[in-house]
Amino acid sequence: MRYILPEGLRYSTLSERRRFYRDEFKLSRVSRWIGRLGGRIVFAVIIGRNTKIYLKRFSRHFSKTIIIDDYEDLGEVRSLILKFLPESVYYDRNIYSRVESPLRSSGQELAFDLDPENIVCPIHGSLRDKMRRGQGLSFCSLEFKMVRMKTIELYERLSSLFTDISVVYSGRGFHLHIFDPETFTWSPGERRRWALKVKREGYPIDEWVTTGGMRLIRLPYSLHSMVSRIVTPLTVSQLECFDPVKSRICIPRFIGEG
């Protein structure tokens, strides 16, 4: 079953994934992003869990999360991505020492994940309604606009408390990354209190991302192959008028030249 997406968004083919990671994936931008975290970064890929598009030699592993923690540099990470041609690329928000083995976490980046399926849509109903139809990851343009407005509201809410916030278009919704140093060492209890507080205030977050239970988050500048859009950091002014169907900053060349 294919998920229903707004008109203009579609799954990427394997050849399009290859072209993107070979020609467009900006390692310098990835380096600047992960450099804000410090320590050793662990990456991960999912080959084809949601799109069911994958290289046949990975048919036994297409739905698994494959960890990339043994690499020399980002060039080798790109080579592994080109080997797997995954639908999604992530990084682990935990902060790991560069020298310790096995890896030991000394903290975690705080993040808020807002997705359109968490919006109660006047047309398509709640997430529970969509799950009953087998369309849990489907969304419409109205749901996207609603989650964009909620992201703006939450950004304004958090800006009164934190000083270093980055907004990222995730491919379907948005991520708010908090880089204030003191938040990296928050306890699980503090993270849980914040997740529940924000959820109770009506923001459509996936609370397990904020609590830290889900450590992985989409890697900025990677390709979200379920919608054929680039995971893109945005300024607040860009966010206010952002439309992934039309905004050139998130459209890969294989779409723009099609």
Protein backbone atom coordinates (compact mmCIF):
# COMPACT_ATOMS: atom_id res chain seq x y z
CA MET A 1 0.00 0.00 0.00
CA ARG A 2 1.35 3.43 -0.95
CA TYR A 3 0.83 6.36 1.37
CA ILE A 4 -1.29 9.27 0.17
CA LEU A 5 0.70 12.51 -0.17
CA PRO A 6 -0.06 16.08 -1.26
CA GLU A 7 -0.01 16.58 -5.02
CA GLY A 8 3.56 17.22 -6.16
CA LEU A 9 5.20 14.93 -3.60
CA ARG A 10 6.14 11.36 -4.52
CA TYR A 11 8.47 8.47 -3.74
CA SER A 12 12.03 8.61 -5.11
CA THR A 13 13.31 5.83 -7.34
CA LEU A 14 16.58 4.05 -6.62
CA SER A 15 18.29 5.85 -9.50
CA GLU A 16 17.10 9.19 -8.12
CA ARG A 17 18.47 8.34 -4.66
CA ARG A 18 21.80 7.41 -6.24
CA ARG A 19 21.92 10.62 -8.24
CA PHE A 20 21.14 12.74 -5.20
CA TYR A 21 23.76 11.23 -2.89
CA ARG A 22 26.37 11.17 -5.64
CA ASP A 23 25.85 14.70 -6.97
CA GLU A 24 23.90 16.83 -4.46
CA PHE A 25 24.55 15.60 -0.93
CA LYS A 26 26.60 18.43 0.62
CA LEU A 27 29.11 16.94 3.05
CA SER A 28 30.42 20.39 4.00
CA ARG A 29 26.96 21.37 5.22
CA VAL A 30 26.53 18.08 7.06
CA SER A 31 29.92 18.64 8.71
CA ARG A 32 28.90 22.09 9.94
CA TRP A 33 25.66 20.71 11.36
CA ILE A 34 27.13 17.78 13.27
CA GLY A 35 30.04 19.98 14.38
CA ARG A 36 27.57 21.75 16.68
CA LEU A 37 27.19 18.53 18.64
CA GLY A 38 30.80 17.61 19.27
CA GLY A 39 32.00 14.09 19.95
CA ARG A 40 31.65 11.15 17.60
CA ILE A 41 28.49 11.01 15.52
CA VAL A 42 26.63 7.77 14.90
CA PHE A 43 24.58 7.61 11.71
CA ALA A 44 21.82 5.22 10.64
CA VAL A 45 19.85 4.34 7.53
CA ILE A 46 16.55 2.63 6.77
CA ILE A 47 16.66 1.08 3.32
CA GLY A 48 12.99 0.79 2.35
CA ARG A 49 10.64 0.19 5.28
CA ASN A 50 7.92 2.63 4.21
CA THR A 51 8.39 2.97 0.45
CA LYS A 52 9.14 -0.74 -0.17
CA ILE A 53 11.67 0.49 -2.74
CA TYR A 54 15.09 -1.09 -2.22
CA LEU A 55 17.91 -2.97 -3.89
CA LYS A 56 16.96 -6.64 -4.04
CA ARG A 57 20.20 -7.76 -2.41
CA PHE A 58 18.99 -6.03 0.76
CA SER A 59 15.58 -7.72 0.78
CA ARG A 60 16.28 -9.35 4.16
CA HIS A 61 17.19 -6.04 5.74
CA PHE A 62 15.04 -3.43 3.97
CA SER A 63 12.92 -2.64 7.05
CA LYS A 64 15.72 -2.71 9.62
CA THR A 65 17.61 0.24 11.08
CA ILE A 66 21.24 -0.12 10.02
CA ILE A 67 23.74 1.65 12.27
CA ILE A 68 26.82 3.34 10.80
CA ASP A 69 29.31 3.86 13.62
CA ASP A 70 32.54 2.52 12.12
CA TYR A 71 33.78 5.00 9.52
CA GLU A 72 36.84 7.13 8.86
CA ASP A 73 35.18 10.31 7.63
CA LEU A 74 32.02 11.68 6.03
CA GLY A 75 33.25 10.54 2.64
CA GLU A 76 33.04 6.96 3.84
CA VAL A 77 29.56 7.64 5.24
CA ARG A 78 28.51 8.85 1.78
CA SER A 79 29.99 5.69 0.23
CA LEU A 80 27.92 3.53 2.58
CA ILE A 81 24.79 5.53 1.76
CA LEU A 82 25.47 4.97 -1.95
CA LYS A 83 25.84 1.27 -1.22
CA PHE A 84 22.48 1.00 0.57
CA LEU A 85 20.54 3.70 -1.36
CA PRO A 86 18.24 4.14 1.66
CA GLU A 87 14.90 5.88 1.85
CA SER A 88 16.05 7.69 5.02
CA VAL A 89 19.29 8.79 6.71
CA TYR A 90 19.50 9.68 10.41
CA TYR A 91 21.96 10.65 13.09
CA ASP A 92 22.00 9.70 16.76
CA ARG A 93 21.42 12.73 19.03
CA ASN A 94 23.44 11.18 21.85
CA ILE A 95 26.78 12.81 22.57
CA TYR A 96 29.60 10.25 22.43
CA SER A 97 33.29 10.57 23.23
CA ARG A 98 35.56 10.50 20.19
CA VAL A 99 37.94 8.03 21.83
CA GLU A 100 35.94 5.74 24.11
CA SER A 101 35.06 2.26 22.91
CA PRO A 102 32.43 1.01 23.39
CA LEU A 103 30.62 4.31 22.88
CA ARG A 104 29.37 5.93 26.07
CA SER A 105 26.86 8.79 26.05
CA SER A 106 27.51 11.95 28.05
CA GLY A 107 24.29 13.72 27.03
CA GLN A 108 21.78 14.21 24.25
CA GLU A 109 20.62 16.96 21.93
CA LEU A 110 17.08 18.14 22.76
CA ALA A 111 14.61 18.13 19.87
CA PHE A 112 10.91 18.48 19.14
CA ASP A 113 9.40 16.55 16.22
CA LEU A 114 6.14 17.85 14.74
CA ASP A 115 4.51 15.68 12.08
CA PRO A 116 1.29 16.20 10.11
CA GLU A 117 -0.17 12.81 11.06
CA ASN A 118 -0.46 14.10 14.63
CA ILE A 119 -2.84 16.81 13.46
CA VAL A 120 -6.58 16.12 13.70
CA CYS A 121 -7.63 16.89 10.15
CA PRO A 122 -11.22 18.06 9.49
CA ILE A 123 -11.14 15.98 6.29
CA HIS A 124 -9.11 12.86 7.15
CA GLY A 125 -9.57 12.65 10.91
CA SER A 126 -7.10 11.74 13.64
CA LEU A 127 -4.00 9.57 13.54
CA ARG A 128 -6.09 6.74 14.96
CA ASP A 129 -8.57 7.13 12.10
CA LYS A 130 -5.76 7.00 9.55
CA MET A 131 -4.13 4.02 11.25
CA ARG A 132 -7.39 2.09 10.95
CA ARG A 133 -7.23 2.72 7.19
CA GLY A 134 -3.58 1.65 7.04
CA GLN A 135 -2.54 5.21 6.18
CA GLY A 136 -0.73 6.30 9.34
CA LEU A 137 1.99 8.23 7.49
CA SER A 138 -0.32 9.79 4.89
CA PHE A 139 -1.03 13.51 5.04
CA CYS A 140 -2.70 16.23 3.00
CA SER A 141 -1.75 19.82 2.20
CA LEU A 142 -4.13 21.13 4.88
CA GLU A 143 -2.49 18.99 7.56
CA PHE A 144 0.91 20.24 6.44
CA LYS A 145 -0.19 23.88 6.68
CA MET A 146 -1.64 23.23 10.14
CA VAL A 147 1.56 21.59 11.42
CA ARG A 148 3.61 24.45 9.93
CA MET A 149 1.58 26.97 11.91
CA LYS A 150 1.97 24.88 15.07
CA THR A 151 5.73 24.78 14.47
CA ILE A 152 5.84 28.57 14.26
CA GLU A 153 3.84 28.83 17.50
CA LEU A 154 6.10 26.36 19.30
CA TYR A 155 9.22 28.11 18.02
CA GLU A 156 7.93 31.40 19.46
CA ARG A 157 7.06 29.63 22.72
CA LEU A 158 10.52 28.07 23.05
CA SER A 159 12.33 31.25 22.01
CA SER A 160 11.39 32.82 25.33
CA LEU A 161 13.30 30.03 27.10
CA PHE A 162 16.14 28.99 24.78
CA THR A 163 18.61 31.03 22.75
CA ASP A 164 19.91 28.59 20.12
CA ILE A 165 17.06 26.95 18.19
CA SER A 166 17.23 25.59 14.64
CA VAL A 167 14.21 24.75 12.51
CA VAL A 168 14.48 21.90 10.01
CA TYR A 169 11.96 20.80 7.40
CA SER A 170 12.04 17.03 7.90
CA GLY A 171 10.36 15.99 4.65
CA ARG A 172 6.87 15.62 6.09
CA GLY A 173 6.84 17.94 9.10
CA PHE A 174 9.38 19.91 11.09
CA HIS A 175 12.05 19.46 13.74
CA LEU A 176 13.07 22.04 16.32
CA HIS A 177 16.65 21.41 17.48
CA ILE A 178 17.77 23.01 20.75
CA PHE A 179 21.52 23.69 21.00
CA ASP A 180 21.62 25.57 24.32
CA PRO A 181 24.54 23.83 26.12
CA GLU A 182 22.71 23.22 29.40
CA THR A 183 20.02 21.13 27.68
CA PHE A 184 22.53 18.51 26.55
CA THR A 185 22.85 17.24 30.11
CA TRP A 186 19.19 17.31 31.05
CA SER A 187 18.04 14.19 32.89
CA PRO A 188 15.45 11.83 31.36
CA GLY A 189 12.97 13.17 33.90
CA GLU A 190 13.49 16.77 32.77
CA ARG A 191 13.05 15.78 29.13
CA ARG A 192 9.91 13.83 29.95
CA ARG A 193 8.39 16.77 31.84
CA TRP A 194 9.03 19.06 28.87
CA ALA A 195 7.59 16.58 26.39
CA LEU A 196 4.40 16.14 28.41
CA LYS A 197 4.07 19.88 29.01
CA VAL A 198 4.38 20.74 25.32
CA LYS A 199 2.02 17.92 24.35
CA ARG A 200 -0.59 19.10 26.88
CA GLU A 201 -0.36 22.61 25.45
CA GLY A 202 -1.65 21.23 22.16
CA TYR A 203 1.49 20.93 20.07
CA PRO A 204 1.48 17.83 17.81
CA ILE A 205 4.87 16.44 18.84
CA ASP A 206 6.12 12.89 18.95
CA GLU A 207 6.95 12.97 22.65
CA TRP A 208 9.35 10.01 22.56
CA VAL A 209 11.75 12.13 20.48
CA THR A 210 11.84 14.84 23.14
CA THR A 211 12.08 12.35 26.01
CA GLY A 212 15.08 10.75 24.34
CA GLY A 213 13.52 7.33 23.86
CA MET A 214 13.93 7.78 20.11
CA ARG A 215 17.52 9.00 19.69
CA LEU A 216 17.60 9.02 15.89
CA ILE A 217 16.52 12.07 13.92
CA ARG A 218 16.68 12.84 10.22
CA LEU A 219 20.02 14.12 9.02
CA PRO A 220 19.79 17.65 7.60
CA TYR A 221 20.71 17.82 3.89
CA SER A 222 19.77 14.15 3.34
CA LEU A 223 16.94 13.02 1.06
CA HIS A 224 13.52 12.03 2.40
CA SER A 225 12.72 9.47 -0.28
CA MET A 226 9.07 9.07 0.65
CA VAL A 227 8.37 12.62 -0.56
CA SER A 228 11.44 13.33 -2.76
CA ARG A 229 12.45 16.38 -0.76
CA ILE A 230 15.70 17.46 0.90
CA VAL A 231 15.73 17.68 4.71
CA THR A 232 16.37 21.42 4.95
CA PRO A 233 17.22 23.87 7.76
CA LEU A 234 15.03 26.98 7.55
CA THR A 235 15.07 30.46 8.95
CA VAL A 236 11.91 31.58 10.73
CA SER A 237 11.04 33.90 7.84
CA GLN A 238 11.40 30.99 5.41
CA LEU A 239 9.23 28.83 7.66
CA GLU A 240 6.40 31.36 7.63
CA CYS A 241 5.79 30.93 3.90
CA PHE A 242 7.32 27.50 3.32
CA ASP A 243 5.67 25.19 0.79
CA PRO A 244 7.60 21.98 0.01
CA VAL A 245 5.84 21.61 -3.33
CA LYS A 246 7.13 24.97 -4.57
CA SER A 247 10.10 25.97 -2.37
CA ARG A 248 13.23 25.48 -4.48
CA ILE A 249 15.51 25.16 -1.45
CA CYS A 250 14.17 21.67 -0.69
CA ILE A 251 13.59 20.33 -4.21
CA PRO A 252 16.31 17.99 -5.53
CA ARG A 253 17.56 18.39 -9.07
CA PHE A 254 15.92 15.19 -10.28
CA ILE A 255 12.56 16.86 -9.57
CA GLY A 256 13.48 20.36 -10.68
CA GLU A 257 14.83 19.16 -14.02
CA GLY A 258 12.02 16.68 -14.58
